[in-house]
Protein backbone atom coordinates (compact mmCIF):
# COMPACT_ATOMS: atom_id res chain seq x y z
CA UNK A 1 124.50 94.30 91.60
CA UNK A 2 122.58 93.53 88.44
CA UNK A 3 119.91 94.95 86.18
CA UNK A 4 117.14 94.57 88.72
CA UNK A 5 119.03 96.16 91.57
CA UNK A 6 121.00 99.31 92.10
CA UNK A 7 124.32 99.29 90.27
CA UNK A 8 126.86 100.20 92.96
CA UNK A 9 128.95 103.37 92.76
CA UNK A 10 132.65 103.16 93.53
CA UNK A 11 132.10 104.00 97.19
CA UNK A 12 129.46 101.30 97.59
CA UNK A 13 131.74 98.74 99.22
CA UNK A 14 133.19 101.01 101.89
CA UNK A 15 129.76 102.43 102.68
CA UNK A 16 128.31 98.94 102.91
CA UNK A 17 131.04 97.94 105.38
CA UNK A 18 130.03 100.90 107.52
CA UNK A 19 126.41 99.77 107.48
CA UNK A 20 127.12 96.09 108.16
CA UNK A 21 127.47 96.64 111.89
CA UNK A 22 123.92 98.00 112.02
CA UNK A 23 122.42 95.67 109.41
CA UNK A 24 124.19 92.38 110.06
CA UNK A 25 120.79 90.69 110.48
CA UNK A 26 120.25 91.14 106.73
CA UNK A 27 123.06 88.64 106.09
CA UNK A 28 120.66 85.98 107.36
CA UNK A 29 117.21 87.51 106.97
CA UNK A 30 117.50 88.66 103.35
CA UNK A 31 118.62 85.27 101.93
CA UNK A 32 115.82 83.59 103.90
CA UNK A 33 113.21 85.99 102.49
CA UNK A 34 114.65 85.61 98.99
CA UNK A 35 114.57 81.84 99.49
CA UNK A 36 110.87 81.89 100.40
CA UNK A 37 110.09 84.00 97.33
CA UNK A 38 112.14 81.60 95.22
CA UNK A 39 110.32 78.49 96.48
CA UNK A 40 106.84 80.01 96.15
CA UNK A 41 107.56 81.35 92.65
CA UNK A 42 109.11 78.14 91.35
CA UNK A 43 106.30 75.98 92.71
CA UNK A 44 103.56 78.29 91.44
CA UNK A 45 104.90 78.67 87.91
CA UNK A 46 105.77 74.97 87.66
CA UNK A 47 102.24 74.04 88.71
CA UNK A 48 100.73 76.31 86.06
CA UNK A 49 102.79 74.63 83.34
CA UNK A 50 101.98 71.19 84.72
CA UNK A 51 98.23 71.79 84.72
CA UNK A 52 98.15 73.34 81.25
CA UNK A 53 100.32 70.54 79.87
CA UNK A 54 98.45 67.68 81.52
CA UNK A 55 94.78 68.57 81.12
CA UNK A 56 93.48 67.50 77.72
CA UNK A 57 90.79 69.30 75.75
CA UNK A 58 87.74 67.38 74.64
CA UNK A 59 89.34 66.33 71.36
CA UNK A 60 92.10 64.47 73.17
CA UNK A 61 94.97 66.55 71.75
CA UNK A 62 97.04 68.94 73.82
CA UNK A 63 97.17 71.81 71.35
CA UNK A 64 97.50 75.02 73.32
CA UNK A 65 95.20 77.96 72.75
CA UNK A 66 96.87 81.33 72.03
CA UNK A 67 96.21 82.52 75.58
CA UNK A 68 97.62 79.33 77.06
CA UNK A 69 100.74 79.80 74.94
CA UNK A 70 101.24 83.23 76.48
CA UNK A 71 100.62 81.90 79.99
CA UNK A 72 103.14 79.09 79.56
CA UNK A 73 105.68 81.57 78.19
CA UNK A 74 105.03 83.86 81.17
CA UNK A 75 105.66 80.98 83.56
CA UNK A 76 108.87 80.03 81.73
CA UNK A 77 110.14 83.62 81.85
CA UNK A 78 109.26 83.97 85.54
CA UNK A 79 111.00 80.68 86.32
CA UNK A 80 114.15 81.81 84.52
CA UNK A 81 114.02 85.15 86.32
CA UNK A 82 113.78 83.42 89.70
CA UNK A 83 116.45 80.83 88.88
CA UNK A 84 119.03 83.32 87.62
CA UNK A 85 118.25 86.38 89.71
CA UNK A 86 117.30 85.37 93.23
CA UNK A 87 120.15 82.95 94.09
CA UNK A 88 122.84 85.26 92.67
CA UNK A 89 121.56 88.35 94.42
CA UNK A 90 120.94 86.57 97.72
CA UNK A 91 124.67 85.85 97.94
CA UNK A 92 125.43 89.58 97.69
CA UNK A 93 124.00 89.99 101.18
CA UNK A 94 125.45 86.80 102.65
CA UNK A 95 128.93 86.56 101.07
CA UNK A 96 131.76 89.13 101.23
CA UNK A 97 132.61 88.85 97.51
CA UNK A 98 131.51 87.44 94.16
CA UNK A 99 132.24 83.69 94.04
CA UNK A 100 130.58 82.56 90.81
CA UNK A 101 133.27 83.52 88.30
CA UNK A 102 133.35 85.69 85.20
CA UNK A 103 130.82 83.68 83.17
CA UNK A 104 127.95 84.04 85.64
CA UNK A 105 128.95 87.63 86.30
CA UNK A 106 128.19 88.43 82.68
CA UNK A 107 125.57 85.92 81.64
CA UNK A 108 123.78 85.59 84.96
CA UNK A 109 122.91 89.28 84.80
CA UNK A 110 122.27 88.99 81.05
CA UNK A 111 119.68 86.21 81.46
CA UNK A 112 118.15 88.06 84.39
CA UNK A 113 117.51 91.05 82.14
CA UNK A 114 116.25 88.83 79.31
CA UNK A 115 113.77 86.97 81.50
CA UNK A 116 112.61 90.20 83.13
CA UNK A 117 111.83 91.79 79.76
CA UNK A 118 110.22 88.62 78.40
CA UNK A 119 107.95 88.40 81.45
CA UNK A 120 106.89 92.05 81.20
CA UNK A 121 106.37 92.01 77.43
CA UNK A 122 104.35 88.80 77.72
CA UNK A 123 102.02 90.57 80.16
CA UNK A 124 101.55 93.24 77.48
CA UNK A 125 100.84 90.59 74.84
CA UNK A 126 98.25 88.99 77.10
CA UNK A 127 96.47 92.31 77.60
CA UNK A 128 96.39 92.86 73.82
CA UNK A 129 95.10 89.31 73.40
CA UNK A 130 92.26 90.04 75.85
CA UNK A 131 91.46 93.29 74.06
CA UNK A 132 91.17 91.53 70.69
CA UNK A 133 89.12 88.66 72.13
CA UNK A 134 86.61 90.90 73.90
CA UNK A 135 86.47 94.19 71.98
CA UNK A 136 87.37 92.97 68.47
CA UNK A 137 85.62 89.64 68.73
CA UNK A 138 84.51 89.60 65.07
CA UNK A 139 88.10 89.49 63.82
CA UNK A 140 89.57 87.61 66.77
CA UNK A 141 89.32 84.21 65.08
CA UNK A 142 91.76 85.34 62.38
CA UNK A 143 94.12 87.30 64.61
CA UNK A 144 94.16 85.08 67.71
CA UNK A 145 95.72 81.99 66.15
CA UNK A 146 98.43 79.73 67.56
CA UNK A 147 100.69 80.74 64.69
CA UNK A 148 100.36 84.45 65.48
CA UNK A 149 100.89 83.77 69.18
CA UNK A 150 104.13 81.92 68.45
CA UNK A 151 105.26 84.71 66.12
CA UNK A 152 104.56 87.16 68.92
CA UNK A 153 106.70 85.13 71.31
CA UNK A 154 109.55 85.09 68.80
CA UNK A 155 109.37 88.89 68.58
CA UNK A 156 109.30 89.19 72.39
CA UNK A 157 112.32 86.93 72.91
CA UNK A 158 114.30 88.55 70.08
CA UNK A 159 113.67 92.06 71.42
CA UNK A 160 114.58 90.98 74.95
CA UNK A 161 117.81 89.30 73.86
CA UNK A 162 118.92 92.29 71.80
CA UNK A 163 118.08 94.80 74.53
CA UNK A 164 120.08 92.77 77.06
CA UNK A 165 123.33 92.59 75.08
CA UNK A 166 124.82 95.72 76.78
CA UNK A 167 124.42 93.98 80.14
CA UNK A 168 126.58 91.04 79.05
CA UNK A 169 129.12 93.39 77.52
CA UNK A 170 129.60 95.61 80.55
CA UNK A 171 129.45 93.41 83.64
CA UNK A 172 133.00 92.50 84.68
CA UNK A 173 134.94 91.15 87.64
CA UNK A 174 136.78 93.90 89.46
CA UNK A 175 138.45 94.84 92.74
CA UNK A 176 137.98 97.68 95.19
CA UNK A 177 140.75 99.68 96.91
CA UNK A 178 139.19 98.91 100.29
CA UNK A 179 139.44 95.17 99.59
CA UNK A 180 142.16 94.49 97.00
CA UNK A 181 142.09 90.72 97.59
CA UNK A 182 138.37 90.36 96.98
CA UNK A 183 136.51 90.09 93.68
CA UNK A 184 133.27 91.86 92.83
CA UNK A 185 130.89 91.71 89.88
CA UNK A 186 130.12 95.29 88.93
CA UNK A 187 128.99 97.12 85.86
CA UNK A 188 131.67 99.17 84.18
CA UNK A 189 130.63 102.49 82.71
CA UNK A 190 129.72 102.55 79.05
CA UNK A 191 130.17 106.21 78.34
CA UNK A 192 127.52 108.69 77.32
CA UNK A 193 125.23 105.87 76.19
CA UNK A 194 124.77 104.62 79.76
CA UNK A 195 121.94 107.00 80.65
CA UNK A 196 120.28 106.48 77.28
CA UNK A 197 120.30 102.74 77.88
CA UNK A 198 118.86 103.09 81.38
CA UNK A 199 116.07 105.35 80.13
CA UNK A 200 115.36 102.94 77.27
CA UNK A 201 114.96 100.08 79.74
CA UNK A 202 112.67 102.26 81.86
CA UNK A 203 110.49 102.98 78.81
CA UNK A 204 110.53 99.46 77.37
CA UNK A 205 110.32 97.62 80.68
CA UNK A 206 107.85 99.75 82.63
CA UNK A 207 106.34 102.96 81.21
CA UNK A 208 105.17 101.68 77.81
CA UNK A 209 104.02 98.27 79.13
CA UNK A 210 102.04 99.96 81.90
CA UNK A 211 100.38 102.34 79.42
CA UNK A 212 99.51 99.53 76.99
CA UNK A 213 98.17 97.27 79.72
CA UNK A 214 96.03 100.08 81.13
CA UNK A 215 94.71 101.10 77.69
CA UNK A 216 93.77 97.55 76.71
CA UNK A 217 92.04 96.71 79.96
CA UNK A 218 90.21 100.05 80.14
CA UNK A 219 88.80 99.33 76.68
CA UNK A 220 87.83 95.82 77.81
CA UNK A 221 86.03 97.18 80.87
CA UNK A 222 84.25 99.86 78.86
CA UNK A 223 83.14 97.32 76.25
CA UNK A 224 81.78 94.98 78.93
CA UNK A 225 80.04 97.89 80.65
CA UNK A 226 78.25 98.86 77.44
CA UNK A 227 77.50 95.31 76.36
CA UNK A 228 76.15 94.07 79.69
CA UNK A 229 73.86 96.99 80.48
CA UNK A 230 70.46 95.95 81.84
CA UNK A 231 71.47 92.31 81.97
CA UNK A 232 71.11 89.72 84.71
CA UNK A 233 72.70 89.88 88.13
CA UNK A 234 74.92 86.98 87.10
CA UNK A 235 76.31 89.00 84.20
CA UNK A 236 76.79 91.97 86.50
CA UNK A 237 78.68 89.79 88.96
CA UNK A 238 80.86 88.43 86.16
CA UNK A 239 81.63 91.95 84.97
CA UNK A 240 82.54 93.04 88.50
CA UNK A 241 84.83 90.03 88.93
CA UNK A 242 86.57 90.85 85.66
CA UNK A 243 87.07 94.45 86.78
CA UNK A 244 88.56 93.29 90.07
CA UNK A 245 90.95 90.96 88.29
CA UNK A 246 92.06 93.72 85.92
CA UNK A 247 92.60 96.08 88.85
CA UNK A 248 94.74 93.46 90.59
CA UNK A 249 96.81 92.89 87.44
CA UNK A 250 97.55 96.59 86.90
CA UNK A 251 98.12 97.33 90.59
CA UNK A 252 100.37 94.30 91.04
CA UNK A 253 102.52 95.22 88.04
CA UNK A 254 102.86 98.84 89.19
CA UNK A 255 103.68 98.09 92.82
CA UNK A 256 106.16 95.34 91.97
CA UNK A 257 108.23 97.29 89.45
CA UNK A 258 107.91 100.98 90.31
CA UNK A 259 110.33 100.95 93.32
CA UNK A 260 113.03 99.30 91.22
CA UNK A 261 112.79 101.92 88.50
CA UNK A 262 112.66 104.76 91.03
CA UNK A 263 115.97 103.58 92.49
CA UNK A 264 117.53 103.05 89.07
CA UNK A 265 116.65 106.56 87.89
CA UNK A 266 117.54 108.11 91.25
CA UNK A 267 120.99 106.52 91.14
CA UNK A 268 121.53 107.48 87.50
CA UNK A 269 120.32 111.08 87.50
CA UNK A 270 120.59 112.05 91.16
CA UNK A 271 122.64 111.22 94.22
CA UNK A 272 121.29 108.05 95.81
CA UNK A 273 122.35 108.08 99.49
CA UNK A 274 123.65 104.96 101.17
CA UNK A 275 122.14 104.74 104.63
CA UNK A 276 119.95 102.41 106.64
CA UNK A 277 116.71 103.72 105.12
CA UNK A 278 117.82 103.46 101.49
CA UNK A 279 119.40 100.07 102.18
CA UNK A 280 116.02 98.83 103.40
CA UNK A 281 114.32 100.48 100.40
CA UNK A 282 116.63 98.58 98.05
CA UNK A 283 115.82 95.29 99.77
CA UNK A 284 112.09 95.99 99.52
CA UNK A 285 112.43 96.86 95.82
CA UNK A 286 114.25 93.56 95.22
CA UNK A 287 111.57 91.56 97.01
CA UNK A 288 108.79 93.30 95.09
CA UNK A 289 110.41 92.73 91.69
CA UNK A 290 111.00 89.07 92.55
CA UNK A 291 107.48 88.88 93.94
CA UNK A 292 106.03 89.80 90.55
CA UNK A 293 107.12 86.37 89.34
CA UNK A 294 105.20 84.85 92.26
CA UNK A 295 101.94 86.76 91.84
CA UNK A 296 101.63 86.20 88.08
CA UNK A 297 100.49 82.56 88.52
CA UNK A 298 98.03 83.72 91.18
CA UNK A 299 96.56 86.52 89.05
CA UNK A 300 96.34 84.58 85.81
CA UNK A 301 95.49 81.11 87.11
CA UNK A 302 94.94 80.41 90.79
CA UNK A 303 92.23 83.04 91.27
CA UNK A 304 90.09 80.93 88.95
CA UNK A 305 87.89 78.31 90.56
CA UNK A 306 88.06 76.39 87.28
CA UNK A 307 91.85 76.33 87.39
CA UNK A 308 91.76 75.02 90.95
CA UNK A 309 89.41 72.26 89.79
CA UNK A 310 91.84 71.44 87.02
CA UNK A 311 94.67 71.27 89.58
CA UNK A 312 92.71 68.79 91.67
CA UNK A 313 91.94 66.74 88.58
CA UNK A 314 95.62 66.65 87.54
CA UNK A 315 96.82 65.63 90.99
CA UNK A 316 94.07 63.04 91.36
CA UNK A 317 94.82 61.47 87.98
CA UNK A 318 98.60 61.67 87.82
CA UNK A 319 99.72 61.61 91.45
CA UNK A 320 96.99 59.74 93.29
CA UNK A 321 96.27 57.51 90.27
CA UNK A 322 92.52 57.95 90.58
CA UNK A 323 90.88 56.90 87.28
CA UNK A 324 88.67 59.45 85.54
CA UNK A 325 84.91 59.11 85.75
CA UNK A 326 83.58 56.98 82.89
CA UNK A 327 81.89 58.82 80.10
CA UNK A 328 83.31 62.20 80.97
CA UNK A 329 85.94 64.35 79.38
CA UNK A 330 87.71 67.39 80.64
CA UNK A 331 88.13 70.56 78.66
CA UNK A 332 90.58 73.14 79.89
CA UNK A 333 91.02 76.61 78.48
CA UNK A 334 92.32 79.87 79.83
CA UNK A 335 90.82 82.28 77.34
CA UNK A 336 89.50 85.00 79.61
CA UNK A 337 91.23 85.93 82.84
CA UNK A 338 90.86 82.43 84.17
CA UNK A 339 90.41 78.84 83.08
CA UNK A 340 87.38 77.05 81.74
CA UNK A 341 87.06 73.56 83.10
CA UNK A 342 84.00 71.41 82.62
CA UNK A 343 82.90 67.81 82.62
CA UNK A 344 80.20 66.50 80.32
CA UNK A 345 78.69 63.06 79.82
CA UNK A 346 78.99 61.60 76.38
CA UNK A 347 76.10 62.06 74.06
CA UNK A 348 75.19 65.51 75.25
CA UNK A 349 75.72 68.58 73.17
CA UNK A 350 78.80 70.55 74.09
CA UNK A 351 78.35 74.07 75.16
CA UNK A 352 80.21 76.67 73.21
CA UNK A 353 83.26 77.95 75.00
CA UNK A 354 83.26 81.61 75.66
CA UNK A 355 86.03 83.54 74.03
């Protein structure tokens, strides 16, 4: 069924037929739920890219900051994940066989794995970027450059493409004895290396990213705690808001991806039963993994009041054709956990943007 769902054993089809009488509602309900996730995720990630691309900094150029580069890349990866993964997997519950041919059987699952890894590794890169900006602020100007951010993205995409090659090699069209006239897209076994590959994906796609994200954000919180001791209530409120955002990021990542990896390891190293409860568990794990691509724009953009202001400004200027206020410019950055959006009359000194 793909890299983000349980790969079916040989008895999957016959067992699924047995369950269809009890779970026929899923033929309609699951594609509808997947469709809602798809629409929300596509709209959210598209809006993030639109706002970042449309809002100009004070200099008039649209050069992206390193953090904005990561956020745009995250939105691109999440969009690809939703476009390749959700429609293909929704048909598994609504159609009796695979209808998309051999090419999408291989490369649909391949690009699903690529976009999943790119999205997760970009989240790691963003946490490292925050760590350098806050904790290592003295050297951040040298390290946090657009060039280094682009190099980082090249490394992320290259690693993700290479790690996904076994998926393209081993997904094939096949038949099942219970339905010899139907075609299914299943993963053929790839010998003793199968378990090693699954464990590698678990480590690269969940365990190590979670550890790195937690380590970076714990250091950020500790640094802010030490730096903002005995400061104003406003600083204390800002620190608390940052802590809440970090908690949401880590919790969201864990909840969205842990069920998927539990099922993958359970199926690989144990005996995953096929019954109504586990069928529902699989569906929930799918929805959560897809949902991660929906909550990323919320966590990294829409929680920010400044980003929402930027959204209103973009829609007012480019959709409603409302001219900008004379003598004012808009600066838009997303260098902390949110955006910085401000308007200033000409002739006044510009405030320094916080890193």
